[in-house]
Protein backbone atom coordinates (compact mmCIF):
# COMPACT_ATOMS: atom_id res chain seq x y z
CA MET A 1 -3.27 -8.87 -13.85
CA SER A 2 -2.10 -11.40 -11.27
CA LEU A 3 -0.27 -9.02 -8.99
CA HIS A 4 -2.00 -8.97 -5.63
CA LEU A 5 -1.54 -7.32 -2.36
CA TYR A 6 -1.63 -9.73 0.81
CA GLU A 7 -1.40 -9.27 4.59
CA TYR A 8 0.02 -11.70 7.01
CA ASP A 9 -2.31 -13.26 9.38
CA SER A 10 0.31 -14.56 12.03
CA ASP A 11 -2.50 -16.23 14.22
CA ASN A 12 -3.21 -18.69 11.34
CA ASN A 13 0.42 -18.51 9.63
CA GLU A 14 -1.09 -17.69 6.37
CA TYR A 15 -1.36 -14.70 3.78
CA LEU A 16 -4.71 -13.25 3.16
CA VAL A 17 -5.35 -11.51 -0.19
CA VAL A 18 -6.39 -7.91 0.19
CA SER A 19 -7.19 -7.20 -3.41
CA GLU A 20 -8.19 -9.06 -6.58
CA ASP A 21 -8.00 -7.50 -10.19
CA GLY A 22 -8.18 -3.99 -8.70
CA LEU A 23 -11.24 -4.87 -6.30
CA GLN A 24 -11.11 -4.55 -2.66
CA THR A 25 -12.32 -8.12 -1.87
CA SER A 26 -10.82 -8.13 1.47
CA PRO A 27 -9.69 -4.59 2.51
CA VAL A 28 -7.03 -4.02 4.96
CA ARG A 29 -8.77 -2.65 8.22
CA THR A 30 -6.97 -0.39 10.64
CA SER A 31 -8.05 1.55 13.59
CA HIS A 32 -7.13 5.29 14.12
CA ASN A 33 -7.46 7.72 16.71
CA GLY A 34 -9.17 10.66 15.08
CA THR A 35 -9.54 12.69 17.75
CA ASN A 36 -5.94 13.08 18.91
CA GLY A 37 -4.27 12.24 15.65
CA GLU A 38 -2.39 9.10 14.89
CA ILE A 39 0.19 7.52 12.57
CA VAL A 40 -0.41 3.82 11.76
CA GLU A 41 1.95 1.60 10.21
CA GLN A 42 1.23 -1.88 8.56
CA LYS A 43 3.40 -4.33 6.58
CA LEU A 44 1.77 -5.85 3.48
CA PHE A 45 2.99 -8.02 0.76
CA LEU A 46 2.96 -7.82 -3.17
CA ARG A 47 2.84 -11.12 -4.97
CA ASN A 48 2.66 -12.43 -8.63
CA ASP A 49 -0.21 -15.38 -8.31
CA ASP A 50 0.69 -16.90 -11.79
CA ALA A 51 4.00 -18.33 -12.71
CA ASN A 52 3.24 -17.93 -16.44
CA PHE A 53 3.78 -14.00 -16.18
CA TYR A 54 6.54 -11.68 -15.12
CA TYR A 55 6.46 -7.95 -14.44
CA THR A 56 8.22 -4.95 -15.22
CA ILE A 57 8.13 -1.33 -14.62
CA ILE A 58 6.03 -1.76 -11.45
CA ARG A 59 4.81 1.38 -9.68
CA MET A 60 2.66 1.80 -6.54
CA GLN A 61 0.70 4.90 -5.47
CA PRO A 62 -1.40 5.81 -2.53
CA VAL A 63 -4.99 7.09 -3.77
CA PRO A 64 -6.44 9.44 -3.15
CA LEU A 65 -4.12 12.26 -2.15
CA ARG A 66 -6.76 14.56 -0.73
CA LYS A 67 -7.28 17.30 1.78
CA THR A 68 -9.56 16.44 4.55
CA ARG A 69 -12.00 19.01 6.26
CA VAL A 70 -11.53 19.50 10.08
CA GLY A 71 -14.60 20.82 11.79
CA ASP A 72 -15.81 23.94 9.99
CA ILE A 73 -12.33 25.16 8.72
CA ASN A 74 -9.96 23.90 6.22
CA TYR A 75 -6.62 24.05 7.76
CA PRO A 76 -3.46 23.59 5.26
CA GLU A 77 -1.80 20.95 7.69
CA ALA A 78 -5.10 18.97 8.07
CA PHE A 79 -4.61 16.18 5.56
CA VAL A 80 -4.40 12.49 5.68
CA GLY A 81 -0.90 11.14 5.00
CA PHE A 82 -0.32 7.92 2.92
CA LYS A 83 3.14 6.70 2.26
CA ILE A 84 4.62 3.65 0.82
CA LEU A 85 8.08 2.05 1.36
CA VAL A 86 9.41 -1.29 -0.39
CA GLN A 87 11.42 -3.11 2.19
CA ASP A 88 11.27 -5.90 4.64
CA GLY A 89 12.20 -4.38 7.99
CA GLN A 90 9.93 -1.76 9.73
CA PRO A 91 11.13 1.60 8.42
CA THR A 92 12.48 4.03 11.09
CA GLU A 93 11.24 7.37 11.55
CA SER A 94 14.03 9.07 9.53
CA GLU A 95 13.10 6.62 6.61
CA TRP A 96 9.46 7.59 6.86
CA LEU A 97 10.25 11.41 6.92
CA ALA A 98 12.48 11.00 3.80
CA VAL A 99 9.22 10.03 1.79
CA LYS A 100 6.60 12.43 0.72
CA SER A 101 3.01 11.57 1.25
CA GLY A 102 1.18 10.20 -2.06
CA ILE A 103 4.43 9.83 -3.94
CA GLU A 104 4.50 6.89 -6.45
CA VAL A 105 7.04 4.14 -5.40
CA ASP A 106 9.10 2.13 -8.02
CA VAL A 107 9.03 -1.80 -7.32
CA ALA A 108 11.76 -4.09 -8.69
CA ASP A 109 10.82 -6.45 -11.47
CA ILE A 110 8.93 -9.56 -10.30
CA GLY A 111 10.18 -12.59 -12.41
CA THR A 112 12.21 -12.81 -15.59
CA THR A 113 11.81 -13.77 -19.10
CA THR A 114 12.55 -17.43 -18.00
CA ALA A 115 10.71 -17.68 -14.76
CA GLY A 116 7.71 -16.11 -12.76
CA ASP A 117 8.34 -15.15 -9.24
CA ILE A 118 5.51 -16.01 -6.92
CA SER A 119 7.22 -15.21 -3.71
CA HIS A 120 5.71 -12.63 -1.28
CA LYS A 121 7.45 -9.06 -1.62
CA PRO A 122 7.27 -6.96 1.49
CA LEU A 123 6.41 -3.32 1.57
CA TRP A 124 5.06 -0.94 4.47
CA VAL A 125 2.33 1.50 4.42
CA GLN A 126 1.88 4.45 6.69
CA VAL A 127 -1.28 6.41 7.25
CA SER A 128 -1.07 9.53 9.37
CA LEU A 129 -4.19 11.52 10.50
CA PRO A 130 -4.28 14.93 12.08
CA ALA A 131 -6.30 15.60 15.31
CA GLY A 132 -9.89 15.97 14.46
CA THR A 133 -10.02 13.73 11.45
CA ARG A 134 -13.35 12.33 10.78
CA VAL A 135 -13.49 8.52 10.56
CA GLN A 136 -15.24 8.37 7.34
CA THR A 137 -12.53 10.48 5.79
CA ILE A 138 -10.11 7.67 5.01
CA ARG A 139 -12.39 4.62 4.10
CA ASP A 140 -11.66 4.81 0.26
CA VAL A 141 -7.87 5.02 0.50
CA SER A 142 -6.16 2.42 -1.81
CA ILE A 143 -2.93 1.54 -3.39
CA SER A 144 -2.78 1.95 -7.42
CA ILE A 145 -0.74 -0.65 -8.96
CA ASN A 146 0.64 0.08 -12.50
CA THR A 147 2.96 -2.47 -14.45
CA GLU A 148 3.78 -4.13 -17.80
CA VAL A 149 2.65 -7.66 -17.89
CA ASN A 150 4.92 -10.19 -19.64
CA PRO A 151 4.46 -13.82 -20.73
CA VAL A 152 7.43 -15.92 -19.34
CA GLY A 153 9.57 -17.25 -22.31
CA SER A 154 8.83 -14.26 -24.45
């Protein structure tokens, strides 16, 4: 699959690949205040790296959606929240509130039968941590991308 996630490096004015063929070759790194709890938002980009293909029925889902242990007690509200919104501008608080954590997101087709689209498609991720979250809890969070791959011209 030639769909990859990118982050934008504004210091060097370039896009940096985050994943390659499902491997976290250069994972996104964020800092979180686990003591007090925190919400972190980051803009990423989805891109087709091969103009010979186009993609339909694209679905993205944060993985894993799991409970975290806070201290010696499991609290029902003590979980890491992971949301995705596909849009260019930074989402508002009300837009984030309308999205349930861990929900699969549909993405518009990338390319057509006559042309592969290799532009960067913006999306936002939001990770929320409850107070008292251990740092190692969120090291393996990822985004699963499922799609149908089609050769251009078919």
